[in-house]
N, C-alpha and C. Protein backbone atom coordinates (compact mmCIF):
# COMPACT_ATOMS: atom_id res chain seq x y z
N MET A 1 0.71 -1.16 -0.04
CA MET A 1 0.19 0.01 0.02
C MET A 1 0.90 1.29 0.06
N ALA A 2 0.60 2.22 -1.00
CA ALA A 2 1.61 3.33 -0.98
C ALA A 2 1.38 4.27 0.37
N GLU A 3 2.38 4.86 0.66
CA GLU A 3 2.28 5.57 1.87
C GLU A 3 1.93 7.25 1.39
N ASN A 4 1.29 7.64 2.27
CA ASN A 4 0.68 9.15 2.05
C ASN A 4 1.81 10.21 2.83
N SER A 5 1.76 11.25 2.11
CA SER A 5 2.64 12.44 2.44
C SER A 5 2.07 13.63 2.13
N CYS A 6 2.59 14.84 2.82
CA CYS A 6 1.95 16.25 2.25
C CYS A 6 2.66 16.85 1.44
N ASP A 7 2.54 17.10 0.28
CA ASP A 7 3.30 17.99 -0.68
C ASP A 7 2.92 19.16 -0.86
N ILE A 8 3.44 20.30 -0.31
CA ILE A 8 2.87 21.45 -0.32
C ILE A 8 3.86 22.43 -1.05
N SER A 9 3.42 23.19 -2.05
CA SER A 9 4.32 24.14 -2.94
C SER A 9 3.79 25.56 -2.75
N GLY A 10 2.84 25.76 -1.99
CA GLY A 10 2.24 27.19 -1.66
C GLY A 10 1.42 27.00 -0.24
N GLN A 11 0.17 27.43 -0.31
CA GLN A 11 -0.23 27.39 0.91
C GLN A 11 -1.36 26.32 1.33
N ASP A 12 -1.80 25.61 0.02
CA ASP A 12 -2.69 24.64 0.24
C ASP A 12 -2.05 23.15 0.60
N CYS A 13 -2.70 22.35 1.20
CA CYS A 13 -2.01 21.06 1.72
C CYS A 13 -3.15 20.21 1.05
N ARG A 14 -2.41 19.48 0.37
CA ARG A 14 -3.10 18.01 -0.13
C ARG A 14 -2.47 16.82 0.18
N ARG A 15 -3.17 15.94 0.37
CA ARG A 15 -2.72 14.54 0.78
C ARG A 15 -2.26 13.94 -0.63
N CYS A 16 -1.17 13.38 -1.06
CA CYS A 16 -1.02 13.03 -2.36
C CYS A 16 -0.12 11.67 -2.12
N PRO A 17 -0.42 10.58 -2.97
CA PRO A 17 0.18 9.25 -3.01
C PRO A 17 1.63 9.34 -3.34
N VAL A 18 2.62 8.65 -2.72
CA VAL A 18 3.91 8.72 -2.88
C VAL A 18 4.12 7.49 -3.58
N LEU A 19 4.86 7.58 -4.85
CA LEU A 19 5.19 6.50 -5.43
C LEU A 19 6.01 5.37 -4.80
N SER A 20 5.70 4.28 -5.07
CA SER A 20 6.39 3.18 -4.21
C SER A 20 6.73 1.80 -4.96
N SER A 21 7.68 1.19 -4.61
CA SER A 21 8.14 -0.06 -5.27
C SER A 21 7.26 -1.28 -4.78
N PRO A 22 7.53 -2.38 -5.57
CA PRO A 22 6.78 -3.49 -4.98
C PRO A 22 7.08 -3.96 -3.47
N SER A 23 8.29 -3.53 -3.17
CA SER A 23 8.60 -3.85 -1.64
C SER A 23 8.01 -2.95 -0.67
N GLY A 24 7.28 -1.68 -1.20
CA GLY A 24 6.65 -0.76 -0.30
C GLY A 24 7.62 0.32 0.15
N LYS A 25 8.81 0.44 -0.38
CA LYS A 25 9.84 1.34 -0.14
C LYS A 25 9.77 2.57 -1.26
N PRO A 26 10.31 3.61 -1.04
CA PRO A 26 10.26 4.48 -1.92
C PRO A 26 11.04 4.11 -2.97
N PRO A 27 10.83 4.60 -4.41
CA PRO A 27 11.48 4.10 -5.51
C PRO A 27 12.84 4.66 -5.48
N THR A 28 14.22 4.01 -5.64
CA THR A 28 15.45 4.33 -5.78
C THR A 28 16.01 4.22 -7.03
N SER A 29 17.15 5.20 -7.31
CA SER A 29 17.95 5.13 -8.24
C SER A 29 18.96 4.05 -8.63
N PHE A 30 19.63 4.02 -9.64
CA PHE A 30 20.51 2.80 -9.93
C PHE A 30 21.47 2.58 -8.73
N ASN A 31 21.89 3.68 -8.04
CA ASN A 31 22.99 3.63 -6.97
C ASN A 31 22.38 3.30 -5.74
N GLY A 32 21.22 2.88 -5.77
CA GLY A 32 20.39 2.60 -4.31
C GLY A 32 19.97 3.91 -3.50
N THR A 33 20.26 5.18 -4.02
CA THR A 33 19.67 6.20 -3.20
C THR A 33 18.23 6.55 -3.65
N SER A 34 17.48 7.07 -2.78
CA SER A 34 16.23 7.27 -3.00
C SER A 34 15.87 8.39 -3.72
N LYS A 35 15.09 8.43 -4.68
CA LYS A 35 14.93 9.51 -5.59
C LYS A 35 14.22 10.78 -5.05
N TRP A 36 13.37 10.36 -3.95
CA TRP A 36 12.56 11.27 -3.23
C TRP A 36 13.12 11.81 -1.99
N VAL A 37 12.95 13.03 -1.68
CA VAL A 37 13.21 13.53 -0.52
C VAL A 37 12.23 14.24 0.24
N ARG A 38 12.17 14.19 1.50
CA ARG A 38 11.17 14.76 2.34
C ARG A 38 11.62 16.07 3.07
N LEU A 39 11.06 17.10 3.03
CA LEU A 39 11.61 18.26 3.76
C LEU A 39 10.33 18.69 4.80
N ASN A 40 10.96 19.15 6.09
CA ASN A 40 9.86 19.65 6.80
C ASN A 40 10.26 21.20 7.13
N VAL A 41 9.75 21.94 6.33
CA VAL A 41 9.96 23.34 6.45
C VAL A 41 9.26 24.07 7.44
N GLY A 42 9.60 24.62 8.51
CA GLY A 42 8.78 25.47 9.65
C GLY A 42 7.48 24.65 9.87
N GLY A 43 7.40 23.24 10.01
CA GLY A 43 6.34 22.45 10.34
C GLY A 43 5.40 22.13 9.10
N THR A 44 5.80 22.21 8.00
CA THR A 44 4.93 22.12 6.68
C THR A 44 6.01 20.98 5.83
N HIS A 45 5.23 19.72 5.44
CA HIS A 45 5.94 18.54 4.95
C HIS A 45 5.99 19.02 3.31
N PHE A 46 7.26 18.98 2.56
CA PHE A 46 7.52 19.13 1.31
C PHE A 46 7.89 17.68 0.74
N LEU A 47 7.37 17.39 -0.38
CA LEU A 47 8.00 16.18 -0.96
C LEU A 47 8.51 16.49 -2.39
N THR A 48 9.61 16.16 -2.78
CA THR A 48 10.26 16.60 -4.13
C THR A 48 11.28 15.65 -4.46
N THR A 49 11.82 15.60 -5.59
CA THR A 49 13.12 14.58 -5.97
C THR A 49 14.14 15.26 -5.65
N ARG A 50 15.22 14.53 -5.53
CA ARG A 50 16.62 14.66 -5.23
C ARG A 50 17.19 15.52 -6.50
N GLN A 51 16.51 15.18 -7.69
CA GLN A 51 17.06 15.86 -8.91
C GLN A 51 16.76 17.54 -8.69
N THR A 52 15.43 17.56 -8.36
CA THR A 52 15.00 19.13 -8.19
C THR A 52 15.86 19.88 -7.10
N LEU A 53 16.11 19.31 -6.02
CA LEU A 53 16.92 19.96 -5.17
C LEU A 53 18.27 20.08 -5.69
N CYS A 54 18.83 19.42 -6.52
CA CYS A 54 20.28 19.39 -6.82
C CYS A 54 20.42 20.28 -8.10
N ARG A 55 19.41 21.01 -8.34
CA ARG A 55 19.53 22.21 -9.63
C ARG A 55 20.88 22.92 -9.53
N ASP A 56 20.96 23.58 -8.29
CA ASP A 56 22.41 24.53 -8.20
C ASP A 56 23.16 23.69 -7.26
N PRO A 57 24.24 23.59 -7.90
CA PRO A 57 25.44 22.63 -7.05
C PRO A 57 25.98 23.46 -6.02
N LYS A 58 25.76 24.78 -5.76
CA LYS A 58 26.28 25.64 -4.82
C LYS A 58 25.35 25.90 -3.84
N SER A 59 24.17 25.36 -3.73
CA SER A 59 23.13 25.70 -2.99
C SER A 59 23.10 24.79 -1.63
N PHE A 60 22.50 25.29 -0.60
CA PHE A 60 22.25 24.49 0.81
C PHE A 60 21.45 23.13 0.39
N LEU A 61 20.26 23.42 -0.40
CA LEU A 61 19.53 22.12 -0.81
C LEU A 61 20.57 20.94 -1.31
N TYR A 62 21.42 21.45 -2.19
CA TYR A 62 22.25 20.47 -3.03
C TYR A 62 23.10 19.67 -1.83
N ARG A 63 23.81 20.62 -1.02
CA ARG A 63 24.51 19.93 0.03
C ARG A 63 23.89 18.98 0.93
N LEU A 64 22.60 19.37 1.15
CA LEU A 64 21.73 18.50 1.97
C LEU A 64 21.56 17.10 1.35
N CYS A 65 21.26 17.20 -0.19
CA CYS A 65 21.08 15.82 -0.65
C CYS A 65 22.24 15.09 -0.79
N GLN A 66 23.37 15.79 -0.58
CA GLN A 66 24.53 15.13 -0.70
C GLN A 66 25.36 14.58 0.62
N ALA A 67 24.43 14.74 1.53
CA ALA A 67 24.63 14.36 3.06
C ALA A 67 26.00 14.92 3.43
N ASP A 68 26.22 16.39 3.09
CA ASP A 68 27.31 17.06 3.60
C ASP A 68 27.82 16.82 5.32
N PRO A 69 28.78 16.42 5.53
CA PRO A 69 29.13 16.34 6.65
C PRO A 69 29.06 17.60 7.66
N ASP A 70 29.45 18.79 6.83
CA ASP A 70 29.23 19.99 7.46
C ASP A 70 28.06 20.57 7.98
N LEU A 71 26.93 19.72 7.45
CA LEU A 71 25.54 20.30 7.77
C LEU A 71 25.07 19.42 8.61
N ASP A 72 24.60 20.12 9.83
CA ASP A 72 24.03 19.05 10.85
C ASP A 72 22.59 19.26 11.03
N SER A 73 21.76 18.54 10.12
CA SER A 73 20.66 18.60 9.91
C SER A 73 19.98 17.50 10.55
N ASP A 74 19.04 17.58 11.45
CA ASP A 74 18.23 16.72 12.21
C ASP A 74 16.93 16.42 11.04
N LYS A 75 16.27 15.09 11.57
CA LYS A 75 15.25 14.82 10.83
C LYS A 75 14.10 14.63 11.79
N ASP A 76 12.68 14.68 11.23
CA ASP A 76 11.66 14.27 12.24
C ASP A 76 11.34 12.91 12.34
N ASP A 77 10.25 12.52 12.60
CA ASP A 77 9.82 10.95 13.02
C ASP A 77 9.56 10.27 11.55
N SER A 78 9.32 11.17 10.62
CA SER A 78 9.02 10.64 9.31
C SER A 78 10.17 10.45 8.32
N GLY A 79 11.32 11.11 9.01
CA GLY A 79 12.56 11.11 8.14
C GLY A 79 12.71 12.29 7.20
N ALA A 80 11.83 13.27 7.45
CA ALA A 80 11.86 14.60 6.70
C ALA A 80 13.20 15.49 7.31
N TYR A 81 13.98 16.09 6.35
CA TYR A 81 14.90 17.17 6.93
C TYR A 81 14.25 18.24 7.70
N LEU A 82 14.63 18.55 8.72
CA LEU A 82 14.18 19.79 9.36
C LEU A 82 14.76 21.17 9.03
N ILE A 83 13.92 22.08 8.52
CA ILE A 83 14.54 23.16 8.11
C ILE A 83 13.76 24.46 8.69
N ASP A 84 14.31 25.34 9.59
CA ASP A 84 13.61 26.21 10.15
C ASP A 84 13.33 27.64 9.28
N ARG A 85 12.59 27.33 8.36
CA ARG A 85 12.19 28.59 7.49
C ARG A 85 10.67 28.61 7.26
N ASP A 86 10.35 29.95 6.66
CA ASP A 86 8.92 30.17 6.29
C ASP A 86 8.65 29.24 5.26
N PRO A 87 7.65 28.40 5.53
CA PRO A 87 7.03 27.23 4.52
C PRO A 87 6.38 28.22 3.32
N VAL A 88 5.70 29.17 3.74
CA VAL A 88 5.04 29.76 2.62
C VAL A 88 5.93 30.59 1.54
N TYR A 89 6.97 30.90 1.93
CA TYR A 89 7.91 31.64 0.99
C TYR A 89 8.99 30.25 0.37
N PHE A 90 8.83 29.21 0.99
CA PHE A 90 9.65 28.12 0.32
C PHE A 90 8.87 27.61 -0.88
N GLY A 91 7.74 27.62 -0.82
CA GLY A 91 6.80 27.11 -2.25
C GLY A 91 7.52 27.63 -3.37
N PRO A 92 7.50 29.07 -3.54
CA PRO A 92 7.90 29.60 -4.73
C PRO A 92 9.39 29.17 -5.01
N VAL A 93 10.13 29.10 -3.97
CA VAL A 93 11.60 28.73 -4.17
C VAL A 93 11.72 27.12 -4.88
N LEU A 94 10.91 26.31 -4.25
CA LEU A 94 10.99 24.93 -4.73
C LEU A 94 10.37 24.83 -6.01
N ASN A 95 9.23 25.59 -6.46
CA ASN A 95 8.74 25.64 -7.65
C ASN A 95 9.54 26.19 -8.72
N TYR A 96 10.44 27.16 -8.47
CA TYR A 96 11.66 27.71 -9.25
C TYR A 96 12.45 26.56 -9.57
N LEU A 97 12.94 25.67 -8.49
CA LEU A 97 13.86 24.49 -8.90
C LEU A 97 13.24 23.61 -9.65
N ARG A 98 11.96 23.51 -9.71
CA ARG A 98 11.13 22.45 -10.45
C ARG A 98 10.93 22.83 -12.11
N HIS A 99 10.65 24.10 -12.33
CA HIS A 99 10.60 24.65 -13.72
C HIS A 99 11.21 25.80 -14.23
N GLY A 100 12.10 26.11 -13.33
CA GLY A 100 12.78 27.65 -13.62
C GLY A 100 12.16 28.73 -13.86
N LYS A 101 10.99 29.12 -13.29
CA LYS A 101 10.06 30.26 -13.28
C LYS A 101 9.94 30.70 -11.91
N LEU A 102 9.68 32.01 -11.68
CA LEU A 102 9.29 32.47 -10.54
C LEU A 102 7.95 33.08 -10.43
N VAL A 103 7.08 32.30 -9.82
CA VAL A 103 5.58 32.59 -9.74
C VAL A 103 5.11 32.96 -8.34
N LEU A 104 4.69 34.17 -8.24
CA LEU A 104 4.27 34.49 -6.85
C LEU A 104 2.73 34.86 -6.64
N ASN A 105 2.30 34.40 -5.63
CA ASN A 105 0.82 34.94 -5.53
C ASN A 105 0.81 36.28 -5.09
N ARG A 106 -0.42 36.81 -4.99
CA ARG A 106 -0.71 38.17 -4.73
C ARG A 106 -0.13 38.61 -3.52
N ASP A 107 -0.30 37.79 -2.30
CA ASP A 107 0.00 38.24 -1.18
C ASP A 107 1.56 37.97 -0.73
N LEU A 108 2.49 37.67 -1.70
CA LEU A 108 3.82 37.37 -1.55
C LEU A 108 4.47 38.44 -2.16
N THR A 109 5.68 38.80 -1.62
CA THR A 109 6.53 40.05 -2.05
C THR A 109 7.92 39.44 -2.62
N GLU A 110 8.34 39.95 -3.57
CA GLU A 110 9.74 39.72 -4.09
C GLU A 110 10.80 39.63 -2.97
N GLU A 111 10.71 40.62 -2.22
CA GLU A 111 11.83 40.74 -0.90
C GLU A 111 11.69 39.64 0.00
N GLY A 112 10.54 38.91 0.26
CA GLY A 112 10.41 37.76 0.93
C GLY A 112 11.01 36.47 0.54
N VAL A 113 10.70 36.28 -0.98
CA VAL A 113 11.38 35.15 -1.57
C VAL A 113 12.87 35.42 -1.60
N LEU A 114 13.34 36.70 -1.93
CA LEU A 114 14.65 36.93 -1.74
C LEU A 114 15.34 36.53 -0.56
N GLU A 115 14.70 36.72 0.45
CA GLU A 115 15.40 36.25 1.69
C GLU A 115 15.58 34.86 1.76
N GLU A 116 14.62 33.97 1.27
CA GLU A 116 14.72 32.62 1.30
C GLU A 116 15.69 32.01 0.28
N ALA A 117 15.99 32.73 -0.92
CA ALA A 117 16.79 32.39 -1.96
C ALA A 117 18.20 32.44 -1.56
N GLU A 118 18.52 33.64 -0.53
CA GLU A 118 19.68 33.97 -0.27
C GLU A 118 19.99 32.95 0.82
N PHE A 119 18.98 32.49 1.70
CA PHE A 119 19.34 31.66 2.85
C PHE A 119 19.76 30.22 2.02
N TYR A 120 19.00 30.01 1.06
CA TYR A 120 19.35 28.59 0.33
C TYR A 120 20.37 28.76 -0.58
N ASN A 121 21.01 29.82 -1.00
CA ASN A 121 22.02 30.11 -1.75
C ASN A 121 21.92 29.67 -3.16
N ILE A 122 20.52 29.99 -3.74
CA ILE A 122 20.23 29.60 -5.08
C ILE A 122 20.67 30.91 -5.89
N THR A 123 21.85 30.94 -6.49
CA THR A 123 22.34 32.27 -7.14
C THR A 123 21.31 32.65 -8.35
N SER A 124 20.90 31.82 -9.30
CA SER A 124 20.25 32.15 -10.46
C SER A 124 18.93 32.93 -9.81
N LEU A 125 18.37 32.34 -8.83
CA LEU A 125 17.17 32.92 -8.48
C LEU A 125 17.38 34.14 -7.49
N ILE A 126 18.43 34.51 -7.05
CA ILE A 126 18.83 35.78 -6.35
C ILE A 126 18.83 36.73 -7.44
N LYS A 127 19.64 36.57 -8.52
CA LYS A 127 19.89 37.32 -9.52
C LYS A 127 18.42 37.88 -10.01
N LEU A 128 17.62 36.73 -10.48
CA LEU A 128 16.19 36.98 -11.17
C LEU A 128 15.48 38.04 -9.97
N ILE A 129 15.18 37.66 -8.93
CA ILE A 129 14.54 38.46 -8.01
C ILE A 129 14.93 39.95 -8.08
N LYS A 130 16.33 39.99 -7.81
CA LYS A 130 16.92 41.26 -7.82
C LYS A 130 16.65 42.07 -9.05
N ASP A 131 16.63 41.52 -10.25
CA ASP A 131 16.36 42.09 -11.29
C ASP A 131 15.12 42.68 -11.37
N LYS A 132 14.07 41.58 -10.88
CA LYS A 132 12.56 42.02 -10.66
C LYS A 132 12.36 43.41 -9.96
N ILE A 133 12.94 43.36 -8.77
CA ILE A 133 12.90 44.29 -7.91
C ILE A 133 13.30 45.77 -8.48
N ARG A 134 14.46 45.69 -9.16
CA ARG A 134 15.20 46.89 -9.68
C ARG A 134 14.22 47.35 -10.81
N GLU A 135 13.54 46.41 -11.61
CA GLU A 135 12.71 47.04 -12.70
C GLU A 135 11.55 47.48 -12.04
N ARG A 136 10.96 46.87 -11.03
CA ARG A 136 9.72 47.42 -10.26
C ARG A 136 9.99 48.81 -9.81
N ASP A 137 11.03 48.88 -8.98
CA ASP A 137 11.47 50.20 -8.31
C ASP A 137 11.73 51.46 -9.36
N THR A 138 12.09 50.89 -10.70
CA THR A 138 12.44 51.98 -11.69
C THR A 138 11.15 52.46 -12.40
N LYS A 139 10.31 51.53 -12.51
CA LYS A 139 8.84 52.10 -13.02
C LYS A 139 8.24 52.89 -12.17
N THR A 140 8.43 52.63 -10.80
CA THR A 140 7.70 53.60 -9.90
C THR A 140 8.31 54.91 -9.79
N THR A 141 9.66 55.21 -9.96
CA THR A 141 10.35 56.46 -10.01
C THR A 141 10.24 57.32 -11.18
N GLN A 142 9.88 56.53 -12.28
CA GLN A 142 9.78 56.99 -13.73
C GLN A 142 8.45 57.67 -14.05
N LEU A 143 7.55 57.66 -13.08
CA LEU A 143 6.24 58.10 -13.40
C LEU A 143 6.25 59.45 -13.89
N PRO A 144 5.43 60.01 -14.87
CA PRO A 144 5.46 61.26 -15.33
C PRO A 144 5.04 62.34 -14.10
N VAL A 145 5.86 63.37 -14.31
CA VAL A 145 5.73 64.60 -13.44
C VAL A 145 4.77 65.29 -13.97
N LYS A 146 3.54 65.86 -13.10
CA LYS A 146 2.70 66.86 -13.82
C LYS A 146 2.77 68.15 -13.19
N HIS A 147 2.38 69.28 -13.56
CA HIS A 147 2.74 70.61 -13.42
C HIS A 147 1.40 71.40 -13.54
N VAL A 148 1.38 72.27 -12.67
CA VAL A 148 0.36 73.23 -12.76
C VAL A 148 0.93 74.65 -13.01
N TYR A 149 0.24 75.43 -13.88
CA TYR A 149 0.77 76.93 -14.30
C TYR A 149 -0.07 77.70 -14.01
N ARG A 150 0.46 79.03 -13.45
CA ARG A 150 -0.52 80.05 -13.23
C ARG A 150 0.17 81.34 -13.90
N VAL A 151 -0.66 82.28 -14.29
CA VAL A 151 -0.07 83.37 -14.89
C VAL A 151 -0.82 84.57 -13.85
N LEU A 152 0.21 85.42 -13.34
CA LEU A 152 0.05 86.27 -12.45
C LEU A 152 0.31 87.86 -12.92
N GLN A 153 -0.70 88.76 -12.75
CA GLN A 153 -0.51 90.16 -13.18
C GLN A 153 -0.05 91.14 -12.23
N CYS A 154 0.84 91.76 -12.23
CA CYS A 154 1.49 92.72 -11.04
C CYS A 154 1.97 93.92 -11.62
N GLN A 155 2.26 94.79 -10.81
CA GLN A 155 2.96 96.03 -11.35
C GLN A 155 4.39 95.95 -10.67
N GLU A 156 5.19 96.78 -11.33
CA GLU A 156 6.63 96.68 -11.14
C GLU A 156 7.30 96.65 -9.79
N GLU A 157 6.34 97.70 -9.02
CA GLU A 157 6.70 97.64 -7.55
C GLU A 157 6.31 96.55 -6.57
N GLU A 158 5.35 95.54 -7.34
CA GLU A 158 4.96 94.42 -6.41
C GLU A 158 5.85 93.24 -7.00
N LEU A 159 6.96 93.22 -7.87
CA LEU A 159 7.66 91.98 -8.10
C LEU A 159 8.33 91.52 -7.28
N THR A 160 9.06 92.36 -6.18
CA THR A 160 9.86 91.77 -5.19
C THR A 160 9.02 91.24 -4.45
N GLN A 161 7.89 91.58 -3.73
CA GLN A 161 7.24 91.08 -2.80
C GLN A 161 6.40 89.84 -3.46
N MET A 162 6.19 89.67 -4.66
CA MET A 162 5.70 88.40 -5.23
C MET A 162 6.68 87.38 -5.28
N VAL A 163 7.97 87.91 -5.56
CA VAL A 163 8.94 86.80 -5.56
C VAL A 163 9.16 86.10 -4.26
N SER A 164 8.99 87.09 -3.17
CA SER A 164 9.43 86.50 -1.93
C SER A 164 8.22 85.50 -1.21
N THR A 165 7.30 85.62 -1.94
CA THR A 165 6.10 84.87 -1.47
C THR A 165 6.10 83.53 -2.41
N MET A 166 6.71 83.51 -3.31
CA MET A 166 6.98 82.33 -4.21
C MET A 166 7.70 81.04 -3.77
N SER A 167 7.33 80.52 -2.97
CA SER A 167 7.72 79.48 -2.23
C SER A 167 6.79 78.40 -2.26
N ASP A 168 6.54 77.40 -1.37
CA ASP A 168 5.46 76.42 -1.37
C ASP A 168 5.68 75.55 -2.77
N GLY A 169 6.69 75.61 -3.15
CA GLY A 169 6.88 74.57 -4.44
C GLY A 169 6.71 75.50 -5.90
N TRP A 170 6.26 76.75 -5.83
CA TRP A 170 6.34 77.53 -6.84
C TRP A 170 7.60 77.94 -7.50
N LYS A 171 7.70 77.71 -8.73
CA LYS A 171 8.80 78.45 -9.46
C LYS A 171 8.76 79.40 -10.36
N PHE A 172 9.66 80.26 -10.70
CA PHE A 172 9.24 81.29 -11.84
C PHE A 172 9.71 80.57 -13.04
N GLU A 173 8.88 80.84 -13.96
CA GLU A 173 9.10 80.52 -15.54
C GLU A 173 9.46 81.65 -16.35
N GLN A 174 8.41 82.61 -16.49
CA GLN A 174 8.55 83.78 -17.39
C GLN A 174 7.96 85.18 -16.95
N LEU A 175 8.75 86.18 -17.44
CA LEU A 175 8.25 87.39 -16.86
C LEU A 175 7.94 88.22 -18.37
N VAL A 176 6.61 88.54 -18.42
CA VAL A 176 6.10 89.34 -19.89
C VAL A 176 5.62 90.83 -19.61
N SER A 177 6.25 91.79 -20.20
CA SER A 177 5.75 93.29 -19.94
C SER A 177 4.72 93.34 -20.89
N ILE A 178 3.59 94.07 -20.30
CA ILE A 178 2.58 94.39 -20.96
C ILE A 178 2.40 95.83 -21.08
N GLY A 179 3.39 96.79 -20.81
CA GLY A 179 3.41 98.10 -20.89
C GLY A 179 2.78 98.74 -19.60
N SER A 180 2.16 99.97 -19.51
CA SER A 180 1.90 100.83 -18.51
C SER A 180 0.27 100.93 -18.64
N SER A 181 -0.32 100.35 -17.80
CA SER A 181 -1.72 100.41 -17.63
C SER A 181 -2.22 101.55 -16.57
N TYR A 182 -1.32 101.77 -15.70
CA TYR A 182 -1.92 102.59 -14.52
C TYR A 182 -0.82 103.73 -14.58
N ASN A 183 -1.61 105.14 -13.99
CA ASN A 183 -0.93 106.39 -13.89
C ASN A 183 -1.25 106.66 -12.56
N TYR A 184 -0.09 106.86 -11.54
CA TYR A 184 -0.42 107.46 -10.39
C TYR A 184 0.42 108.76 -10.19
N GLY A 185 -0.28 109.79 -10.43
CA GLY A 185 0.35 111.16 -10.37
C GLY A 185 1.02 111.26 -11.74
N THR A 186 2.24 111.75 -11.84
CA THR A 186 3.02 111.81 -12.87
C THR A 186 3.74 110.58 -13.46
N GLU A 187 3.60 109.62 -12.66
CA GLU A 187 4.39 108.35 -13.05
C GLU A 187 3.81 107.26 -13.48
N ASP A 188 4.37 106.80 -14.47
CA ASP A 188 3.63 105.29 -15.13
C ASP A 188 3.98 104.08 -14.56
N GLN A 189 3.20 103.35 -14.13
CA GLN A 189 3.33 102.14 -13.41
C GLN A 189 3.56 100.76 -14.35
N ALA A 190 4.64 100.16 -14.78
CA ALA A 190 4.78 99.11 -15.56
C ALA A 190 4.11 97.96 -15.10
N GLU A 191 3.49 97.35 -16.15
CA GLU A 191 2.63 96.02 -15.81
C GLU A 191 3.28 94.80 -16.32
N PHE A 192 3.24 93.79 -15.53
CA PHE A 192 3.90 92.66 -16.10
C PHE A 192 3.03 91.13 -15.86
N LEU A 193 3.27 90.25 -16.58
CA LEU A 193 2.68 89.09 -16.50
C LEU A 193 3.80 87.93 -15.98
N CYS A 194 3.48 87.34 -14.98
CA CYS A 194 4.49 86.22 -14.44
C CYS A 194 4.03 84.98 -14.39
N VAL A 195 4.50 84.22 -15.35
CA VAL A 195 4.26 82.85 -15.30
C VAL A 195 5.08 82.11 -14.39
N VAL A 196 4.38 81.27 -13.31
CA VAL A 196 4.65 80.32 -12.60
C VAL A 196 4.29 79.06 -12.62
N SER A 197 5.06 77.83 -11.92
CA SER A 197 4.81 76.57 -12.17
C SER A 197 4.87 75.94 -10.83
N LYS A 198 4.21 74.66 -10.69
CA LYS A 198 4.47 73.89 -9.39
C LYS A 198 4.35 72.36 -9.90
N GLU A 199 5.22 71.48 -9.22
CA GLU A 199 5.01 69.96 -9.51
C GLU A 199 4.01 69.57 -8.63
N LEU A 200 3.08 68.60 -9.41
CA LEU A 200 1.93 68.04 -8.31
C LEU A 200 2.51 66.92 -7.48
N HIS A 201 3.62 65.98 -8.00
CA HIS A 201 4.02 64.90 -7.19
C HIS A 201 2.89 63.94 -7.19
N ASN A 202 2.23 63.60 -8.26
CA ASN A 202 1.28 62.63 -8.34
C ASN A 202 0.10 62.71 -7.56
N GLN A 203 -0.05 63.99 -6.80
CA GLN A 203 -1.32 64.47 -5.92
C GLN A 203 -2.27 64.82 -6.70
N PRO A 204 -3.49 64.76 -6.34
CA PRO A 204 -4.56 65.21 -6.93
C PRO A 204 -4.58 66.92 -6.93
N TYR A 205 -4.93 67.44 -8.09
CA TYR A 205 -5.14 69.19 -8.18
C TYR A 205 -6.22 69.38 -8.49
N GLY A 206 -7.45 69.89 -7.98
CA GLY A 206 -8.68 70.27 -8.23
C GLY A 206 -9.30 70.65 -7.32
N PRO A 207 -10.92 70.90 -7.19
CA PRO A 207 -11.75 71.51 -6.41
C PRO A 207 -11.63 70.87 -4.79
N ASN A 208 -11.21 69.60 -4.87
CA ASN A 208 -11.06 69.21 -3.39
C ASN A 208 -9.66 69.13 -2.85
N SER A 209 -8.73 69.77 -3.50
CA SER A 209 -7.45 69.85 -2.84
C SER A 209 -7.40 71.38 -2.17
N GLN A 210 -6.52 71.24 -0.90
CA GLN A 210 -6.63 72.53 -0.11
C GLN A 210 -5.34 73.33 -0.56
N PRO A 211 -4.98 74.29 -1.13
CA PRO A 211 -3.77 75.18 -1.15
C PRO A 211 -3.41 75.78 -0.02
N SER A 212 -2.16 75.87 0.29
CA SER A 212 -1.66 76.66 1.46
C SER A 212 -2.07 78.17 1.43
N GLU A 213 -1.81 78.96 2.53
CA GLU A 213 -1.93 80.34 2.55
C GLU A 213 -0.82 80.90 1.46
N LYS A 214 0.23 80.54 1.26
CA LYS A 214 1.13 81.14 0.22
C LYS A 214 0.51 80.90 -1.26
N ALA A 215 0.07 79.84 -1.45
CA ALA A 215 -0.66 79.52 -2.53
C ALA A 215 -1.75 80.30 -3.14
N LYS A 216 -2.58 80.49 -1.88
CA LYS A 216 -3.84 81.42 -2.08
C LYS A 216 -3.47 82.90 -2.40
N ILE A 217 -2.31 83.43 -1.91
CA ILE A 217 -1.97 84.62 -2.38
C ILE A 217 -1.63 84.77 -3.83
N LEU A 218 -0.79 83.80 -4.28
CA LEU A 218 -0.61 83.60 -5.66
C LEU A 218 -1.84 83.49 -6.58
N GLN A 219 -2.98 82.95 -6.07
CA GLN A 219 -4.16 82.80 -6.65
C GLN A 219 -4.67 83.89 -6.67
N GLU A 220 -4.90 84.67 -5.59
CA GLU A 220 -5.44 85.97 -5.56
C GLU A 220 -4.89 86.96 -6.49
N ARG A 221 -3.68 87.07 -6.75
CA ARG A 221 -3.14 87.83 -7.55
C ARG A 221 -3.33 87.20 -8.99
N GLY A 222 -3.36 86.15 -9.36
CA GLY A 222 -3.66 85.79 -10.69
C GLY A 222 -5.07 85.92 -11.17
N SER A 223 -5.96 86.33 -10.19
CA SER A 223 -7.37 86.38 -10.45
C SER A 223 -7.48 87.91 -11.11
N ARG A 224 -6.43 88.83 -11.08
CA ARG A 224 -6.57 90.15 -11.49
C ARG A 224 -7.04 89.96 -13.19
N ILE A 225 -6.34 88.65 -13.49
CA ILE A 225 -6.44 88.97 -15.26
C ILE A 225 -7.87 88.98 -15.62
């Protein structure tokens, strides 16, 4: 009668039959070594082949299969190697060794799998995850920057005061003279249009956004136009 074990590659635990020889023992290779290896990762049992675990000859799992004397690995009552790591994140690592692809559930992160890949020293998987993290972060930082522009009308004597209030993220873009529209006594007052801009930093700008006091000053001056 075939022995039952628990083979978990993600979060679901399903009881599956283990192939057995007519003698009732797990099938063996030509050199007498069992093809199947049991792992107890953080209390969760995994069943896989020795060939899968030996994909990376520099990995911890390869050394485990070779019975490396430098590895002091205990076994549980079922003969599974005890590994004190997160079983949820071990699933993607094991699947990568099986088919060479990194598949993550939505509730798993690249950083979490990277921690496990570094622990097991699977070099190709480490490089793959770091490339994915770098690509993800690059997309985030390269989002287009949006700007809002305002055209402010002011007199020559108001330029200094206007520039002093142009903080709060506002930047001067262009100054356009529109001649002399006002006359106080015998002196003409030059009029200017001042174009300023501000980065939105992916924040909403509309009726629901609340500008600061300095931004309100610029808006009031811009309403003269």
